[in-house]
Amino acid sequence: MREDEVCRKIVLAGGEGCQIVYCEGCQVVEVQLGAISVHLELTALHNLQSILGQAAIKLSVLKAIKVSPEFHYDQFNLE
């Protein structure tokens, strides 16, 4: 966060060991994962959202394959 700006932090979401905070003054999102804190510009946050969504879908498909062997990953265009 920039020192020359007035930080106005807003908690956007949070849970055990994870919190997302937005600073209006800096226009930066802080993702806190346990002891790790990452500051992201808003475009980077949206990119991270997309990538995490893709990963979650692929993980669900991989789990479905393990539960139902006749399920084929190739049925979906997940690239």
N, C-alpha and C. Protein backbone atom coordinates (compact mmCIF):
# COMPACT_ATOMS: atom_id res chain seq x y z
N MET A 1 0.84 -1.17 0.00
CA MET A 1 0.00 0.00 0.00
C MET A 1 0.89 1.24 0.00
N ARG A 2 0.44 2.28 -0.68
CA ARG A 2 1.24 3.50 -0.78
C ARG A 2 1.12 4.32 0.49
N GLU A 3 2.24 4.90 0.88
CA GLU A 3 2.24 5.69 2.11
C GLU A 3 1.65 7.08 1.90
N ASP A 4 1.64 7.59 0.65
CA ASP A 4 1.15 8.93 0.38
C ASP A 4 -0.37 8.99 0.26
N GLU A 5 -1.04 7.87 0.29
CA GLU A 5 -2.50 7.80 0.20
C GLU A 5 -3.08 7.50 1.58
N VAL A 6 -4.29 7.94 1.78
CA VAL A 6 -5.01 7.61 3.01
C VAL A 6 -5.65 6.24 2.80
N CYS A 7 -5.26 5.30 3.63
CA CYS A 7 -5.80 3.95 3.49
C CYS A 7 -7.17 3.85 4.16
N ARG A 8 -8.14 3.39 3.37
CA ARG A 8 -9.49 3.13 3.87
C ARG A 8 -9.78 1.68 3.53
N LYS A 9 -9.51 0.80 4.48
CA LYS A 9 -9.63 -0.63 4.23
C LYS A 9 -11.04 -1.14 4.50
N ILE A 10 -11.51 -1.98 3.58
CA ILE A 10 -12.83 -2.59 3.68
C ILE A 10 -12.65 -4.10 3.55
N VAL A 11 -13.15 -4.86 4.51
CA VAL A 11 -13.09 -6.32 4.42
C VAL A 11 -14.16 -6.78 3.44
N LEU A 12 -13.73 -7.41 2.34
CA LEU A 12 -14.65 -7.88 1.31
C LEU A 12 -15.17 -9.28 1.61
N ALA A 13 -14.30 -10.12 2.11
CA ALA A 13 -14.68 -11.50 2.43
C ALA A 13 -13.65 -12.06 3.39
N GLY A 14 -14.05 -13.07 4.11
CA GLY A 14 -13.10 -13.67 5.03
C GLY A 14 -13.63 -14.94 5.64
N GLY A 15 -12.70 -15.74 6.03
CA GLY A 15 -12.99 -16.99 6.70
C GLY A 15 -11.79 -17.36 7.53
N GLU A 16 -11.81 -18.56 8.03
CA GLU A 16 -10.72 -19.01 8.89
C GLU A 16 -9.41 -19.06 8.10
N GLY A 17 -8.45 -18.24 8.48
CA GLY A 17 -7.13 -18.24 7.86
C GLY A 17 -7.06 -17.57 6.51
N CYS A 18 -8.15 -16.92 6.07
CA CYS A 18 -8.17 -16.29 4.76
C CYS A 18 -9.05 -15.05 4.81
N GLN A 19 -8.54 -13.95 4.26
CA GLN A 19 -9.31 -12.71 4.26
C GLN A 19 -8.93 -11.89 3.04
N ILE A 20 -9.91 -11.18 2.48
CA ILE A 20 -9.66 -10.29 1.35
C ILE A 20 -10.11 -8.89 1.75
N VAL A 21 -9.16 -7.95 1.66
CA VAL A 21 -9.39 -6.57 2.09
C VAL A 21 -9.12 -5.64 0.91
N TYR A 22 -9.97 -4.64 0.74
CA TYR A 22 -9.79 -3.65 -0.32
C TYR A 22 -9.44 -2.31 0.31
N CYS A 23 -8.41 -1.65 -0.21
CA CYS A 23 -8.04 -0.31 0.24
C CYS A 23 -8.50 0.68 -0.82
N GLU A 24 -9.49 1.50 -0.45
CA GLU A 24 -10.02 2.48 -1.39
C GLU A 24 -8.99 3.52 -1.78
N GLY A 25 -8.17 3.96 -0.83
CA GLY A 25 -7.16 4.98 -1.11
C GLY A 25 -6.11 4.52 -2.08
N CYS A 26 -5.66 3.29 -1.94
CA CYS A 26 -4.61 2.73 -2.79
C CYS A 26 -5.17 2.00 -4.02
N GLN A 27 -6.45 1.68 -3.98
CA GLN A 27 -7.12 0.89 -5.01
C GLN A 27 -6.38 -0.44 -5.24
N VAL A 28 -6.12 -1.09 -4.11
CA VAL A 28 -5.40 -2.36 -4.11
C VAL A 28 -6.16 -3.35 -3.22
N VAL A 29 -6.16 -4.60 -3.65
CA VAL A 29 -6.77 -5.66 -2.86
C VAL A 29 -5.65 -6.44 -2.17
N GLU A 30 -5.85 -6.73 -0.91
CA GLU A 30 -4.89 -7.52 -0.14
C GLU A 30 -5.52 -8.87 0.15
N VAL A 31 -4.87 -9.93 -0.33
CA VAL A 31 -5.32 -11.29 -0.07
C VAL A 31 -4.44 -11.85 1.03
N GLN A 32 -5.05 -12.21 2.15
CA GLN A 32 -4.32 -12.75 3.29
C GLN A 32 -4.61 -14.24 3.40
N LEU A 33 -3.56 -15.03 3.31
CA LEU A 33 -3.66 -16.49 3.45
C LEU A 33 -2.74 -16.90 4.59
N GLY A 34 -3.31 -17.03 5.76
CA GLY A 34 -2.48 -17.32 6.93
C GLY A 34 -1.47 -16.20 7.14
N ALA A 35 -0.20 -16.55 7.19
CA ALA A 35 0.86 -15.57 7.41
C ALA A 35 1.31 -14.88 6.13
N ILE A 36 0.74 -15.27 4.98
CA ILE A 36 1.13 -14.69 3.70
C ILE A 36 0.11 -13.62 3.29
N SER A 37 0.62 -12.48 2.84
CA SER A 37 -0.23 -11.40 2.38
C SER A 37 0.24 -10.97 0.99
N VAL A 38 -0.70 -10.89 0.03
CA VAL A 38 -0.37 -10.51 -1.34
C VAL A 38 -1.23 -9.31 -1.71
N HIS A 39 -0.59 -8.26 -2.24
CA HIS A 39 -1.30 -7.08 -2.70
C HIS A 39 -1.48 -7.17 -4.21
N LEU A 40 -2.72 -6.98 -4.67
CA LEU A 40 -3.04 -7.11 -6.09
C LEU A 40 -3.76 -5.87 -6.60
N GLU A 41 -3.41 -5.47 -7.83
CA GLU A 41 -4.21 -4.47 -8.50
C GLU A 41 -5.53 -5.13 -8.88
N LEU A 42 -6.55 -4.35 -9.17
CA LEU A 42 -7.87 -4.90 -9.43
C LEU A 42 -7.90 -5.82 -10.64
N THR A 43 -7.14 -5.51 -11.68
CA THR A 43 -7.12 -6.39 -12.85
C THR A 43 -6.50 -7.74 -12.50
N ALA A 44 -5.49 -7.73 -11.65
CA ALA A 44 -4.87 -8.98 -11.22
C ALA A 44 -5.84 -9.81 -10.39
N LEU A 45 -6.67 -9.14 -9.57
CA LEU A 45 -7.67 -9.86 -8.79
C LEU A 45 -8.67 -10.55 -9.71
N HIS A 46 -9.12 -9.86 -10.74
CA HIS A 46 -10.07 -10.46 -11.68
C HIS A 46 -9.44 -11.62 -12.44
N ASN A 47 -8.17 -11.49 -12.80
CA ASN A 47 -7.46 -12.60 -13.45
C ASN A 47 -7.34 -13.80 -12.51
N LEU A 48 -7.03 -13.53 -11.25
CA LEU A 48 -6.93 -14.60 -10.25
C LEU A 48 -8.28 -15.29 -10.07
N GLN A 49 -9.35 -14.52 -10.05
CA GLN A 49 -10.70 -15.09 -9.94
C GLN A 49 -10.96 -16.07 -11.08
N SER A 50 -10.61 -15.67 -12.29
CA SER A 50 -10.83 -16.52 -13.46
C SER A 50 -10.00 -17.80 -13.38
N ILE A 51 -8.75 -17.65 -13.02
CA ILE A 51 -7.85 -18.81 -12.93
C ILE A 51 -8.29 -19.77 -11.83
N LEU A 52 -8.69 -19.24 -10.68
CA LEU A 52 -9.16 -20.10 -9.59
C LEU A 52 -10.45 -20.82 -9.98
N GLY A 53 -11.31 -20.16 -10.72
CA GLY A 53 -12.53 -20.78 -11.20
C GLY A 53 -12.24 -21.94 -12.14
N GLN A 54 -11.31 -21.72 -13.06
CA GLN A 54 -10.91 -22.79 -13.99
C GLN A 54 -10.32 -23.97 -13.23
N ALA A 55 -9.48 -23.68 -12.25
CA ALA A 55 -8.86 -24.75 -11.47
C ALA A 55 -9.91 -25.54 -10.69
N ALA A 56 -10.89 -24.85 -10.12
CA ALA A 56 -11.95 -25.52 -9.35
C ALA A 56 -12.77 -26.44 -10.25
N ILE A 57 -13.07 -25.98 -11.47
CA ILE A 57 -13.83 -26.82 -12.41
C ILE A 57 -13.03 -28.07 -12.77
N LYS A 58 -11.75 -27.89 -13.09
CA LYS A 58 -10.92 -29.03 -13.47
C LYS A 58 -10.76 -30.01 -12.32
N LEU A 59 -10.65 -29.49 -11.10
CA LEU A 59 -10.55 -30.36 -9.93
C LEU A 59 -11.82 -31.17 -9.74
N SER A 60 -12.96 -30.55 -9.96
CA SER A 60 -14.24 -31.26 -9.87
C SER A 60 -14.32 -32.38 -10.90
N VAL A 61 -13.84 -32.10 -12.11
CA VAL A 61 -13.85 -33.11 -13.17
C VAL A 61 -12.93 -34.27 -12.79
N LEU A 62 -11.75 -33.96 -12.27
CA LEU A 62 -10.82 -35.01 -11.87
C LEU A 62 -11.41 -35.89 -10.77
N LYS A 63 -12.11 -35.27 -9.84
CA LYS A 63 -12.77 -36.04 -8.77
C LYS A 63 -13.88 -36.91 -9.35
N ALA A 64 -14.62 -36.39 -10.32
CA ALA A 64 -15.70 -37.16 -10.95
C ALA A 64 -15.14 -38.38 -11.66
N ILE A 65 -13.98 -38.24 -12.28
CA ILE A 65 -13.34 -39.37 -12.97
C ILE A 65 -13.01 -40.47 -11.98
N LYS A 66 -12.52 -40.10 -10.79
CA LYS A 66 -12.16 -41.10 -9.79
C LYS A 66 -13.40 -41.82 -9.26
N VAL A 67 -14.50 -41.11 -9.14
CA VAL A 67 -15.75 -41.71 -8.63
C VAL A 67 -16.42 -42.56 -9.70
N SER A 68 -16.37 -42.09 -10.94
CA SER A 68 -17.07 -42.78 -12.03
C SER A 68 -16.08 -42.99 -13.18
N PRO A 69 -15.45 -44.15 -13.25
CA PRO A 69 -14.42 -44.40 -14.27
C PRO A 69 -14.90 -44.24 -15.71
N GLU A 70 -16.21 -44.40 -15.97
CA GLU A 70 -16.69 -44.24 -17.34
C GLU A 70 -16.80 -42.77 -17.77
N PHE A 71 -16.63 -41.86 -16.81
CA PHE A 71 -16.64 -40.43 -17.10
C PHE A 71 -15.32 -40.08 -17.79
N HIS A 72 -15.37 -39.35 -18.89
CA HIS A 72 -14.16 -39.02 -19.64
C HIS A 72 -13.92 -37.51 -19.65
N TYR A 73 -12.73 -37.14 -19.27
CA TYR A 73 -12.30 -35.75 -19.24
C TYR A 73 -12.38 -35.12 -20.63
N ASP A 74 -12.15 -35.93 -21.66
CA ASP A 74 -12.12 -35.43 -23.03
C ASP A 74 -13.48 -34.93 -23.51
N GLN A 75 -14.54 -35.22 -22.76
CA GLN A 75 -15.88 -34.77 -23.14
C GLN A 75 -16.01 -33.25 -23.02
N PHE A 76 -15.12 -32.65 -22.26
CA PHE A 76 -15.20 -31.21 -22.00
C PHE A 76 -14.00 -30.49 -22.57
N ASN A 77 -14.23 -29.29 -23.07
CA ASN A 77 -13.14 -28.45 -23.54
C ASN A 77 -12.77 -27.51 -22.41
N LEU A 78 -11.88 -27.95 -21.55
CA LEU A 78 -11.51 -27.18 -20.37
C LEU A 78 -10.14 -26.53 -20.49
N GLU A 79 -9.61 -26.45 -21.65
CA GLU A 79 -8.29 -25.84 -21.85
C GLU A 79 -8.42 -24.34 -21.88
